[in-house]
Amino acid sequence: MQKDKLKSLWEAAAWLGFGAAGMAMTFGFAGPLPTFELGAAFWPQIVLGGIMATAVILGITTYFSGPASETVDKGTQTTDLPDDMAAMSVTRKTIAIFAIPLVYVFAMHKLGFFLVTPIFLPLYMYLLGVRKVRTLISVTVGLYAAVLFLFVKLVFTPLPQGAGFFHSLNGQFIGLLQ
């Protein structure tokens, strides 16, 4: 078996294990809530079920896929990244990819979800290589609207509102949405 194929199978197994462990943790919260009949564990179980299903699909497709063809000439391989991003070392970019979500979570609890998310989404997409302004704006607006609709209108789940002045500001924003 090829080294890349084995690596992908291990990755699928790790995600399947992660999903199963998370699913096992949610069974203690399966009872109904006064405001949400399906219970606190419903949405986490949906997400974890999706992770597990995707891991199984990844494992199956990796196992049954043929050998990967090596068509890239190593001498002429180029990158699609602009010069400023190509010059950034892999280590700095990797650290940024993991650090920015941590900063996002911290800022979300201080400033609130509604103020931080529209800044985080395009910044993170830019870091991951999206450069078209139209794409950055449309994905940010669409995803932000979908999350607000899901949590504020359908599920009635409070999102972090921040502290102090930002708590009041986010509360007024929620009032406008409802």
C-alpha atoms as a PDB file:
ATOM      1  CA  MET A   1       0.000   0.000   0.000  1.00  0.00           C
ATOM      2  CA  GLN A   2       1.284   3.479  -0.828  1.00  0.00           C
ATOM      3  CA  LYS A   3       2.538   5.757   1.904  1.00  0.00           C
ATOM      4  CA  ASP A   4       0.015   8.522   1.003  1.00  0.00           C
ATOM      5  CA  LYS A   5      -2.842   6.050   0.971  1.00  0.00           C
ATOM      6  CA  LEU A   6      -1.874   4.693   4.394  1.00  0.00           C
ATOM      7  CA  LYS A   7      -1.590   8.237   5.742  1.00  0.00           C
ATOM      8  CA  SER A   8      -5.116   9.041   4.479  1.00  0.00           C
ATOM      9  CA  LEU A   9      -6.485   5.877   6.059  1.00  0.00           C
ATOM     10  CA  TRP A  10      -4.919   6.828   9.391  1.00  0.00           C
ATOM     11  CA  GLU A  11      -6.421  10.286   9.049  1.00  0.00           C
ATOM     12  CA  ALA A  12      -9.873   8.813   8.392  1.00  0.00           C
ATOM     13  CA  ALA A  13      -9.471   6.498  11.391  1.00  0.00           C
ATOM     14  CA  ALA A  14      -8.435   9.422  13.609  1.00  0.00           C
ATOM     15  CA  TRP A  15     -11.476  11.487  12.550  1.00  0.00           C
ATOM     16  CA  LEU A  16     -13.744   8.497  13.069  1.00  0.00           C
ATOM     17  CA  GLY A  17     -12.275   8.013  16.560  1.00  0.00           C
ATOM     18  CA  PHE A  18     -12.670  11.723  17.330  1.00  0.00           C
ATOM     19  CA  GLY A  19     -16.303  11.645  16.211  1.00  0.00           C
ATOM     20  CA  ALA A  20     -17.046   8.482  18.179  1.00  0.00           C
ATOM     21  CA  ALA A  21     -15.442   9.888  21.343  1.00  0.00           C
ATOM     22  CA  GLY A  22     -17.421  13.097  20.984  1.00  0.00           C
ATOM     23  CA  MET A  23     -20.621  11.159  20.361  1.00  0.00           C
ATOM     24  CA  ALA A  24     -20.008   9.090  23.506  1.00  0.00           C
ATOM     25  CA  MET A  25     -19.627  12.304  25.526  1.00  0.00           C
ATOM     26  CA  THR A  26     -22.962  13.675  24.305  1.00  0.00           C
ATOM     27  CA  PHE A  27     -25.120  10.755  25.420  1.00  0.00           C
ATOM     28  CA  GLY A  28     -25.335  12.194  28.953  1.00  0.00           C
ATOM     29  CA  PHE A  29     -27.111  15.276  27.560  1.00  0.00           C
ATOM     30  CA  ALA A  30     -29.726  13.488  25.451  1.00  0.00           C
ATOM     31  CA  GLY A  31     -32.791  14.500  27.476  1.00  0.00           C
ATOM     32  CA  PRO A  32     -35.249  17.184  26.321  1.00  0.00           C
ATOM     33  CA  LEU A  33     -34.900  20.780  27.461  1.00  0.00           C
ATOM     34  CA  PRO A  34     -37.772  23.081  28.427  1.00  0.00           C
ATOM     35  CA  THR A  35     -37.047  25.346  25.438  1.00  0.00           C
ATOM     36  CA  PHE A  36     -35.714  22.752  22.965  1.00  0.00           C
ATOM     37  CA  GLU A  37     -37.525  19.445  22.771  1.00  0.00           C
ATOM     38  CA  LEU A  38     -34.710  17.582  21.011  1.00  0.00           C
ATOM     39  CA  GLY A  39     -32.242  18.244  23.827  1.00  0.00           C
ATOM     40  CA  ALA A  40     -28.843  19.820  24.260  1.00  0.00           C
ATOM     41  CA  ALA A  41     -27.015  16.984  22.522  1.00  0.00           C
ATOM     42  CA  PHE A  42     -29.007  17.110  19.272  1.00  0.00           C
ATOM     43  CA  TRP A  43     -26.895  19.574  17.248  1.00  0.00           C
ATOM     44  CA  PRO A  44     -23.522  18.303  18.496  1.00  0.00           C
ATOM     45  CA  GLN A  45     -24.625  14.787  17.575  1.00  0.00           C
ATOM     46  CA  ILE A  46     -25.624  15.963  14.090  1.00  0.00           C
ATOM     47  CA  VAL A  47     -22.196  17.551  13.568  1.00  0.00           C
ATOM     48  CA  LEU A  48     -20.358  14.559  15.009  1.00  0.00           C
ATOM     49  CA  GLY A  49     -22.434  12.206  12.873  1.00  0.00           C
ATOM     50  CA  GLY A  50     -21.408  14.240   9.825  1.00  0.00           C
ATOM     51  CA  ILE A  51     -17.758  14.014  10.856  1.00  0.00           C
ATOM     52  CA  MET A  52     -18.030  10.248  11.287  1.00  0.00           C
ATOM     53  CA  ALA A  53     -19.862   9.784   7.967  1.00  0.00           C
ATOM     54  CA  THR A  54     -17.251  11.875   6.166  1.00  0.00           C
ATOM     55  CA  ALA A  55     -14.456   9.886   7.801  1.00  0.00           C
ATOM     56  CA  VAL A  56     -16.044   6.619   6.639  1.00  0.00           C
ATOM     57  CA  ILE A  57     -16.429   7.995   3.097  1.00  0.00           C
ATOM     58  CA  LEU A  58     -12.803   9.175   3.141  1.00  0.00           C
ATOM     59  CA  GLY A  59     -11.634   5.756   4.311  1.00  0.00           C
ATOM     60  CA  ILE A  60     -13.658   3.882   1.706  1.00  0.00           C
ATOM     61  CA  THR A  61     -12.653   6.111  -1.204  1.00  0.00           C
ATOM     62  CA  THR A  62      -9.015   6.044  -0.137  1.00  0.00           C
ATOM     63  CA  TYR A  63      -8.989   2.273   0.228  1.00  0.00           C
ATOM     64  CA  PHE A  64     -10.593   1.620  -3.150  1.00  0.00           C
ATOM     65  CA  SER A  65      -8.789   4.375  -5.077  1.00  0.00           C
ATOM     66  CA  GLY A  66      -6.065   3.428  -7.504  1.00  0.00           C
ATOM     67  CA  PRO A  67      -2.487   4.645  -7.299  1.00  0.00           C
ATOM     68  CA  ALA A  68      -2.047   8.380  -7.626  1.00  0.00           C
ATOM     69  CA  SER A  69      -0.470   9.448 -10.886  1.00  0.00           C
ATOM     70  CA  GLU A  70       2.639  11.586 -10.650  1.00  0.00           C
ATOM     71  CA  THR A  71       2.184  14.101 -13.467  1.00  0.00           C
ATOM     72  CA  VAL A  72       3.825  17.114 -11.828  1.00  0.00           C
ATOM     73  CA  ASP A  73       7.340  17.782 -13.033  1.00  0.00           C
ATOM     74  CA  LYS A  74       9.324  18.706  -9.930  1.00  0.00           C
ATOM     75  CA  GLY A  75      11.525  21.132 -11.878  1.00  0.00           C
ATOM     76  CA  THR A  76       8.616  23.233 -13.166  1.00  0.00           C
ATOM     77  CA  GLN A  77       6.311  23.091 -10.172  1.00  0.00           C
ATOM     78  CA  THR A  78       4.953  26.544  -9.319  1.00  0.00           C
ATOM     79  CA  THR A  79       2.770  27.908  -6.600  1.00  0.00           C
ATOM     80  CA  ASP A  80      -0.462  29.844  -7.057  1.00  0.00           C
ATOM     81  CA  LEU A  81       0.290  32.045  -4.067  1.00  0.00           C
ATOM     82  CA  PRO A  82       1.381  35.651  -4.576  1.00  0.00           C
ATOM     83  CA  ASP A  83       5.010  36.503  -3.824  1.00  0.00           C
ATOM     84  CA  ASP A  84       4.278  37.917  -0.361  1.00  0.00           C
ATOM     85  CA  MET A  85       2.524  34.708   0.731  1.00  0.00           C
ATOM     86  CA  ALA A  86       5.044  32.432  -0.991  1.00  0.00           C
ATOM     87  CA  ALA A  87       7.837  34.193   0.850  1.00  0.00           C
ATOM     88  CA  MET A  88       6.142  33.600   4.211  1.00  0.00           C
ATOM     89  CA  SER A  89       7.665  30.572   5.827  1.00  0.00           C
ATOM     90  CA  VAL A  90       5.488  27.505   6.208  1.00  0.00           C
ATOM     91  CA  THR A  91       5.994  27.607   9.939  1.00  0.00           C
ATOM     92  CA  ARG A  92       4.654  31.168  10.303  1.00  0.00           C
ATOM     93  CA  LYS A  93       1.668  30.438   8.096  1.00  0.00           C
ATOM     94  CA  THR A  94       0.924  27.196   9.944  1.00  0.00           C
ATOM     95  CA  ILE A  95       1.099  28.986  13.290  1.00  0.00           C
ATOM     96  CA  ALA A  96      -1.219  31.703  11.973  1.00  0.00           C
ATOM     97  CA  ILE A  97      -3.717  29.110  10.719  1.00  0.00           C
ATOM     98  CA  PHE A  98      -3.978  27.669  14.223  1.00  0.00           C
ATOM     99  CA  ALA A  99      -3.562  30.924  16.197  1.00  0.00           C
ATOM    100  CA  ILE A 100      -6.161  33.073  14.447  1.00  0.00           C
ATOM    101  CA  PRO A 101      -9.106  30.831  15.466  1.00  0.00           C
ATOM    102  CA  LEU A 102      -7.862  30.960  19.071  1.00  0.00           C
ATOM    103  CA  VAL A 103      -7.746  34.759  18.915  1.00  0.00           C
ATOM    104  CA  TYR A 104     -11.222  34.657  17.333  1.00  0.00           C
ATOM    105  CA  VAL A 105     -12.659  32.604  20.205  1.00  0.00           C
ATOM    106  CA  PHE A 106     -11.054  34.893  22.807  1.00  0.00           C
ATOM    107  CA  ALA A 107     -12.268  38.025  21.016  1.00  0.00           C
ATOM    108  CA  MET A 108     -15.728  36.522  20.594  1.00  0.00           C
ATOM    109  CA  HIS A 109     -16.141  36.274  24.357  1.00  0.00           C
ATOM    110  CA  LYS A 110     -14.880  39.838  24.888  1.00  0.00           C
ATOM    111  CA  LEU A 111     -16.457  41.623  21.897  1.00  0.00           C
ATOM    112  CA  GLY A 112     -19.280  39.263  20.937  1.00  0.00           C
ATOM    113  CA  PHE A 113     -19.969  36.930  18.028  1.00  0.00           C
ATOM    114  CA  PHE A 114     -21.836  39.526  16.007  1.00  0.00           C
ATOM    115  CA  LEU A 115     -18.928  41.981  15.863  1.00  0.00           C
ATOM    116  CA  VAL A 116     -15.966  39.598  15.554  1.00  0.00           C
ATOM    117  CA  THR A 117     -17.249  37.071  13.007  1.00  0.00           C
ATOM    118  CA  PRO A 118     -17.527  39.439  10.010  1.00  0.00           C
ATOM    119  CA  ILE A 119     -13.891  40.397  10.592  1.00  0.00           C
ATOM    120  CA  PHE A 120     -12.615  36.877  11.218  1.00  0.00           C
ATOM    121  CA  LEU A 121     -14.185  35.164   8.197  1.00  0.00           C
ATOM    122  CA  PRO A 122     -12.573  37.227   5.398  1.00  0.00           C
ATOM    123  CA  LEU A 123      -9.268  37.449   7.291  1.00  0.00           C
ATOM    124  CA  TYR A 124      -9.083  33.682   7.653  1.00  0.00           C
ATOM    125  CA  MET A 125     -10.152  33.051   4.063  1.00  0.00           C
ATOM    126  CA  TYR A 126      -7.444  35.483   2.900  1.00  0.00           C
ATOM    127  CA  LEU A 127      -4.874  33.617   4.969  1.00  0.00           C
ATOM    128  CA  LEU A 128      -5.971  30.352   3.374  1.00  0.00           C
ATOM    129  CA  GLY A 129      -5.465  31.788  -0.116  1.00  0.00           C
ATOM    130  CA  VAL A 130      -8.736  33.370  -1.258  1.00  0.00           C
ATOM    131  CA  ARG A 131      -7.805  36.642  -2.972  1.00  0.00           C
ATOM    132  CA  LYS A 132     -10.912  37.762  -4.892  1.00  0.00           C
ATOM    133  CA  VAL A 133     -12.649  40.554  -2.997  1.00  0.00           C
ATOM    134  CA  ARG A 134     -16.038  39.562  -4.417  1.00  0.00           C
ATOM    135  CA  THR A 135     -15.579  36.007  -3.120  1.00  0.00           C
ATOM    136  CA  LEU A 136     -14.418  37.202   0.300  1.00  0.00           C
ATOM    137  CA  ILE A 137     -17.427  39.494   0.690  1.00  0.00           C
ATOM    138  CA  SER A 138     -20.068  37.142  -0.715  1.00  0.00           C
ATOM    139  CA  VAL A 139     -18.936  34.127   1.315  1.00  0.00           C
ATOM    140  CA  THR A 140     -18.664  36.219   4.473  1.00  0.00           C
ATOM    141  CA  VAL A 141     -22.123  37.744   4.057  1.00  0.00           C
ATOM    142  CA  GLY A 142     -23.722  34.432   3.053  1.00  0.00           C
ATOM    143  CA  LEU A 143     -22.170  32.381   5.842  1.00  0.00           C
ATOM    144  CA  TYR A 144     -22.802  35.089   8.441  1.00  0.00           C
ATOM    145  CA  ALA A 145     -26.455  35.367   7.383  1.00  0.00           C
ATOM    146  CA  ALA A 146     -26.890  31.577   7.415  1.00  0.00           C
ATOM    147  CA  VAL A 147     -25.425  31.245  10.913  1.00  0.00           C
ATOM    148  CA  LEU A 148     -27.549  34.128  12.221  1.00  0.00           C
ATOM    149  CA  PHE A 149     -30.682  32.663  10.659  1.00  0.00           C
ATOM    150  CA  LEU A 150     -29.941  29.211  12.062  1.00  0.00           C
ATOM    151  CA  PHE A 151     -29.066  30.243  15.614  1.00  0.00           C
ATOM    152  CA  VAL A 152     -31.181  33.363  16.133  1.00  0.00           C
ATOM    153  CA  LYS A 153     -34.341  32.506  14.160  1.00  0.00           C
ATOM    154  CA  LEU A 154     -34.546  28.695  14.055  1.00  0.00           C
ATOM    155  CA  VAL A 155     -32.816  27.294  17.126  1.00  0.00           C
ATOM    156  CA  PHE A 156     -33.088  30.333  19.433  1.00  0.00           C
ATOM    157  CA  THR A 157     -29.614  29.636  20.791  1.00  0.00           C
ATOM    158  CA  PRO A 158     -27.777  32.609  22.254  1.00  0.00           C
ATOM    159  CA  LEU A 159     -24.412  33.346  20.708  1.00  0.00           C
ATOM    160  CA  PRO A 160     -21.658  35.008  22.793  1.00  0.00           C
ATOM    161  CA  GLN A 161     -22.543  38.668  23.289  1.00  0.00           C
ATOM    162  CA  GLY A 162     -19.286  39.948  24.737  1.00  0.00           C
ATOM    163  CA  ALA A 163     -18.731  41.919  27.885  1.00  0.00           C
ATOM    164  CA  GLY A 164     -19.568  45.420  29.054  1.00  0.00           C
ATOM    165  CA  PHE A 165     -20.506  47.887  26.318  1.00  0.00           C
ATOM    166  CA  PHE A 166     -20.202  45.184  23.657  1.00  0.00           C
ATOM    167  CA  HIS A 167     -22.782  43.038  25.463  1.00  0.00           C
ATOM    168  CA  SER A 168     -25.311  45.869  25.185  1.00  0.00           C
ATOM    169  CA  LEU A 169     -24.387  46.555  21.559  1.00  0.00           C
ATOM    170  CA  ASN A 170     -24.763  42.884  20.597  1.00  0.00           C
ATOM    171  CA  GLY A 171     -28.039  42.703  22.522  1.00  0.00           C
ATOM    172  CA  GLN A 172     -29.407  45.600  20.480  1.00  0.00           C
ATOM    173  CA  PHE A 173     -28.277  43.841  17.289  1.00  0.00           C
ATOM    174  CA  ILE A 174     -30.157  40.687  18.332  1.00  0.00           C
ATOM    175  CA  GLY A 175     -33.219  42.819  19.040  1.00  0.00           C
ATOM    176  CA  LEU A 176     -33.069  44.129  15.471  1.00  0.00           C
ATOM    177  CA  LEU A 177     -32.856  40.595  14.085  1.00  0.00           C
ATOM    178  CA  GLN A 178     -35.763  39.223  16.096  1.00  0.00           C
END
